[in-house]
Amino acid sequence: MSLSIPSSSPTAAYNGPAVSSTAAAAPPAQPATENAPYVIKLTVAEQAFQLSLQEQTVPQIANQLSLTVEAVNSYLGITNST
């Protein structure tokens, strides 16, 4: 799951972290284009949380993310009280 956030007025292009001259050369960063959306990659736990905010049930979230119900419960901090 990716979340795209369009930006109408980017303030500056981000070219990545500064690299010391002793580090291995990395490929040059691609310059930001004015209409390029920002892409945020969420962890599985963050995806589960976002889906829960959209009022999806735990079984629906588990199915959508190919997880077990127990895994989703764990990500969401849901405990079974028996």
N, C-alpha and C. Protein backbone atom coordinates (compact mmCIF):
# COMPACT_ATOMS: atom_id res chain seq x y z
N MET A 1 0.86 -1.17 0.00
CA MET A 1 0.00 0.00 0.00
C MET A 1 0.90 1.22 0.00
N SER A 2 0.61 2.13 -0.90
CA SER A 2 1.34 3.39 -0.96
C SER A 2 0.36 4.52 -0.77
N LEU A 3 0.85 5.56 -0.20
CA LEU A 3 0.04 6.76 0.01
C LEU A 3 0.70 7.88 -0.76
N SER A 4 -0.01 8.44 -1.72
CA SER A 4 0.53 9.54 -2.50
C SER A 4 -0.05 10.84 -2.00
N ILE A 5 0.83 11.80 -1.78
CA ILE A 5 0.41 13.11 -1.31
C ILE A 5 0.89 14.13 -2.34
N PRO A 6 -0.05 14.65 -3.13
CA PRO A 6 0.37 15.65 -4.13
C PRO A 6 0.79 16.94 -3.45
N SER A 7 1.72 17.60 -4.07
CA SER A 7 2.20 18.86 -3.52
C SER A 7 1.98 19.94 -4.56
N SER A 8 1.29 20.99 -4.17
CA SER A 8 1.02 22.07 -5.11
C SER A 8 2.17 23.06 -5.20
N SER A 9 2.97 23.14 -4.14
CA SER A 9 4.09 24.08 -4.16
C SER A 9 5.26 23.52 -3.38
N PRO A 10 6.09 22.67 -4.03
CA PRO A 10 7.24 22.15 -3.30
C PRO A 10 8.20 23.28 -2.95
N THR A 11 8.76 23.20 -1.76
CA THR A 11 9.64 24.28 -1.31
C THR A 11 11.07 24.09 -1.79
N ALA A 12 11.52 22.84 -1.88
CA ALA A 12 12.88 22.59 -2.33
C ALA A 12 13.00 21.14 -2.75
N ALA A 13 13.93 20.88 -3.64
CA ALA A 13 14.17 19.50 -4.07
C ALA A 13 15.07 18.83 -3.04
N TYR A 14 14.71 17.61 -2.68
CA TYR A 14 15.52 16.85 -1.74
C TYR A 14 16.38 15.90 -2.54
N ASN A 15 17.69 16.00 -2.39
CA ASN A 15 18.61 15.17 -3.15
C ASN A 15 19.24 14.07 -2.32
N GLY A 16 18.66 13.75 -1.18
CA GLY A 16 19.19 12.68 -0.36
C GLY A 16 20.19 13.19 0.64
N PRO A 17 20.65 12.28 1.52
CA PRO A 17 21.61 12.68 2.55
C PRO A 17 22.98 12.96 1.95
N ALA A 18 23.72 13.80 2.63
CA ALA A 18 25.08 14.09 2.20
C ALA A 18 25.94 12.85 2.37
N VAL A 19 26.82 12.59 1.42
CA VAL A 19 27.67 11.40 1.46
C VAL A 19 29.12 11.87 1.54
N SER A 20 29.87 11.29 2.46
CA SER A 20 31.27 11.67 2.57
C SER A 20 32.06 11.15 1.38
N SER A 21 33.19 11.74 1.12
CA SER A 21 33.98 11.36 -0.04
C SER A 21 34.58 9.97 0.11
N THR A 22 34.61 9.41 1.32
CA THR A 22 35.15 8.08 1.51
C THR A 22 34.10 7.00 1.30
N ALA A 23 32.83 7.38 1.21
CA ALA A 23 31.76 6.39 1.00
C ALA A 23 31.70 5.99 -0.46
N ALA A 24 31.11 4.83 -0.72
CA ALA A 24 30.96 4.35 -2.09
C ALA A 24 30.06 5.31 -2.85
N ALA A 25 30.36 5.50 -4.11
CA ALA A 25 29.58 6.42 -4.92
C ALA A 25 28.20 5.85 -5.17
N ALA A 26 27.20 6.65 -4.93
CA ALA A 26 25.81 6.24 -5.16
C ALA A 26 25.36 6.86 -6.47
N PRO A 27 24.37 6.25 -7.11
CA PRO A 27 23.86 6.88 -8.33
C PRO A 27 23.27 8.24 -8.00
N PRO A 28 23.32 9.17 -8.92
CA PRO A 28 22.81 10.51 -8.64
C PRO A 28 21.31 10.47 -8.37
N ALA A 29 20.86 11.29 -7.44
CA ALA A 29 19.44 11.37 -7.11
C ALA A 29 18.70 12.02 -8.26
N GLN A 30 17.48 11.56 -8.49
CA GLN A 30 16.65 12.14 -9.53
C GLN A 30 16.08 13.46 -9.02
N PRO A 31 16.16 14.50 -9.80
CA PRO A 31 15.58 15.77 -9.34
C PRO A 31 14.07 15.67 -9.26
N ALA A 32 13.51 16.36 -8.29
CA ALA A 32 12.06 16.37 -8.13
C ALA A 32 11.44 17.18 -9.26
N THR A 33 10.38 16.65 -9.83
CA THR A 33 9.67 17.42 -10.84
C THR A 33 8.48 18.10 -10.16
N GLU A 34 8.01 19.15 -10.75
CA GLU A 34 6.99 19.95 -10.10
C GLU A 34 5.69 19.18 -9.86
N ASN A 35 5.33 18.26 -10.73
CA ASN A 35 4.06 17.55 -10.59
C ASN A 35 4.22 16.16 -10.01
N ALA A 36 5.42 15.76 -9.61
CA ALA A 36 5.64 14.42 -9.07
C ALA A 36 5.07 14.33 -7.67
N PRO A 37 4.25 13.29 -7.40
CA PRO A 37 3.70 13.14 -6.05
C PRO A 37 4.76 12.57 -5.11
N TYR A 38 4.60 12.84 -3.83
CA TYR A 38 5.45 12.22 -2.83
C TYR A 38 4.88 10.84 -2.56
N VAL A 39 5.74 9.84 -2.43
CA VAL A 39 5.28 8.49 -2.17
C VAL A 39 5.80 8.08 -0.80
N ILE A 40 4.89 7.64 0.05
CA ILE A 40 5.26 7.19 1.38
C ILE A 40 4.97 5.70 1.45
N LYS A 41 5.98 4.91 1.75
CA LYS A 41 5.79 3.47 1.88
C LYS A 41 5.53 3.14 3.34
N LEU A 42 4.40 2.51 3.59
CA LEU A 42 4.01 2.17 4.95
C LEU A 42 4.41 0.75 5.29
N THR A 43 4.75 0.53 6.55
CA THR A 43 5.01 -0.83 7.01
C THR A 43 3.68 -1.57 7.06
N VAL A 44 3.74 -2.88 7.20
CA VAL A 44 2.52 -3.68 7.28
C VAL A 44 1.69 -3.24 8.48
N ALA A 45 2.34 -2.97 9.61
CA ALA A 45 1.62 -2.52 10.80
C ALA A 45 0.93 -1.19 10.53
N GLU A 46 1.59 -0.27 9.85
CA GLU A 46 0.99 1.03 9.54
C GLU A 46 -0.18 0.87 8.57
N GLN A 47 -0.03 -0.06 7.61
CA GLN A 47 -1.12 -0.32 6.68
C GLN A 47 -2.33 -0.87 7.43
N ALA A 48 -2.10 -1.79 8.36
CA ALA A 48 -3.19 -2.36 9.15
C ALA A 48 -3.89 -1.26 9.94
N PHE A 49 -3.12 -0.36 10.54
CA PHE A 49 -3.70 0.73 11.31
C PHE A 49 -4.53 1.65 10.42
N GLN A 50 -4.01 1.99 9.25
CA GLN A 50 -4.75 2.87 8.33
C GLN A 50 -6.06 2.22 7.90
N LEU A 51 -6.03 0.92 7.62
CA LEU A 51 -7.26 0.23 7.23
C LEU A 51 -8.25 0.18 8.39
N SER A 52 -7.74 0.06 9.62
CA SER A 52 -8.65 0.07 10.77
C SER A 52 -9.29 1.45 10.93
N LEU A 53 -8.57 2.51 10.60
CA LEU A 53 -9.14 3.86 10.64
C LEU A 53 -10.23 4.03 9.60
N GLN A 54 -10.17 3.22 8.54
CA GLN A 54 -11.19 3.25 7.50
C GLN A 54 -12.35 2.31 7.85
N GLU A 55 -12.38 1.89 9.11
CA GLU A 55 -13.45 1.06 9.67
C GLU A 55 -13.56 -0.31 9.03
N GLN A 56 -12.43 -0.86 8.56
CA GLN A 56 -12.43 -2.23 8.08
C GLN A 56 -12.28 -3.15 9.28
N THR A 57 -12.91 -4.32 9.22
CA THR A 57 -12.82 -5.28 10.32
C THR A 57 -11.47 -5.98 10.28
N VAL A 58 -11.12 -6.60 11.41
CA VAL A 58 -9.84 -7.32 11.48
C VAL A 58 -9.78 -8.42 10.42
N PRO A 59 -10.83 -9.23 10.22
CA PRO A 59 -10.75 -10.24 9.15
C PRO A 59 -10.58 -9.62 7.75
N GLN A 60 -11.21 -8.47 7.51
CA GLN A 60 -11.05 -7.80 6.21
C GLN A 60 -9.60 -7.33 6.03
N ILE A 61 -9.04 -6.76 7.08
CA ILE A 61 -7.65 -6.28 7.03
C ILE A 61 -6.71 -7.47 6.80
N ALA A 62 -6.95 -8.55 7.54
CA ALA A 62 -6.10 -9.74 7.40
C ALA A 62 -6.16 -10.26 5.97
N ASN A 63 -7.34 -10.30 5.40
CA ASN A 63 -7.50 -10.79 4.03
C ASN A 63 -6.80 -9.86 3.03
N GLN A 64 -6.99 -8.56 3.19
CA GLN A 64 -6.40 -7.60 2.26
C GLN A 64 -4.88 -7.60 2.31
N LEU A 65 -4.31 -7.79 3.50
CA LEU A 65 -2.85 -7.74 3.64
C LEU A 65 -2.20 -9.13 3.64
N SER A 66 -3.01 -10.17 3.41
CA SER A 66 -2.53 -11.56 3.40
C SER A 66 -1.86 -11.92 4.72
N LEU A 67 -2.54 -11.59 5.81
CA LEU A 67 -2.04 -11.86 7.15
C LEU A 67 -3.05 -12.73 7.89
N THR A 68 -2.64 -13.26 9.03
CA THR A 68 -3.57 -13.95 9.89
C THR A 68 -4.30 -12.91 10.76
N VAL A 69 -5.46 -13.30 11.26
CA VAL A 69 -6.20 -12.43 12.17
C VAL A 69 -5.36 -12.14 13.40
N GLU A 70 -4.62 -13.14 13.88
CA GLU A 70 -3.76 -12.95 15.05
C GLU A 70 -2.68 -11.91 14.78
N ALA A 71 -2.11 -11.92 13.58
CA ALA A 71 -1.07 -10.94 13.24
C ALA A 71 -1.65 -9.53 13.23
N VAL A 72 -2.84 -9.38 12.64
CA VAL A 72 -3.48 -8.07 12.59
C VAL A 72 -3.81 -7.60 14.01
N ASN A 73 -4.34 -8.50 14.82
CA ASN A 73 -4.62 -8.15 16.23
C ASN A 73 -3.35 -7.66 16.92
N SER A 74 -2.25 -8.34 16.65
CA SER A 74 -0.97 -7.95 17.26
C SER A 74 -0.55 -6.55 16.81
N TYR A 75 -0.65 -6.29 15.51
CA TYR A 75 -0.28 -4.98 14.99
C TYR A 75 -1.17 -3.87 15.57
N LEU A 76 -2.43 -4.19 15.81
CA LEU A 76 -3.36 -3.19 16.30
C LEU A 76 -3.41 -3.13 17.82
N GLY A 77 -2.66 -4.00 18.49
CA GLY A 77 -2.63 -4.00 19.94
C GLY A 77 -3.89 -4.57 20.57
N ILE A 78 -4.56 -5.46 19.83
CA ILE A 78 -5.79 -6.06 20.33
C ILE A 78 -5.43 -7.37 21.02
N THR A 79 -5.85 -7.52 22.27
CA THR A 79 -5.59 -8.76 22.99
C THR A 79 -6.89 -9.49 23.22
N ASN A 80 -6.81 -10.81 23.23
CA ASN A 80 -7.97 -11.64 23.51
C ASN A 80 -8.09 -11.81 25.01
N SER A 81 -9.19 -11.42 25.58
CA SER A 81 -9.40 -11.60 27.01
C SER A 81 -10.25 -12.85 27.19
N THR A 82 -9.60 -13.92 27.65
CA THR A 82 -10.32 -15.19 27.83
C THR A 82 -10.40 -15.54 29.28
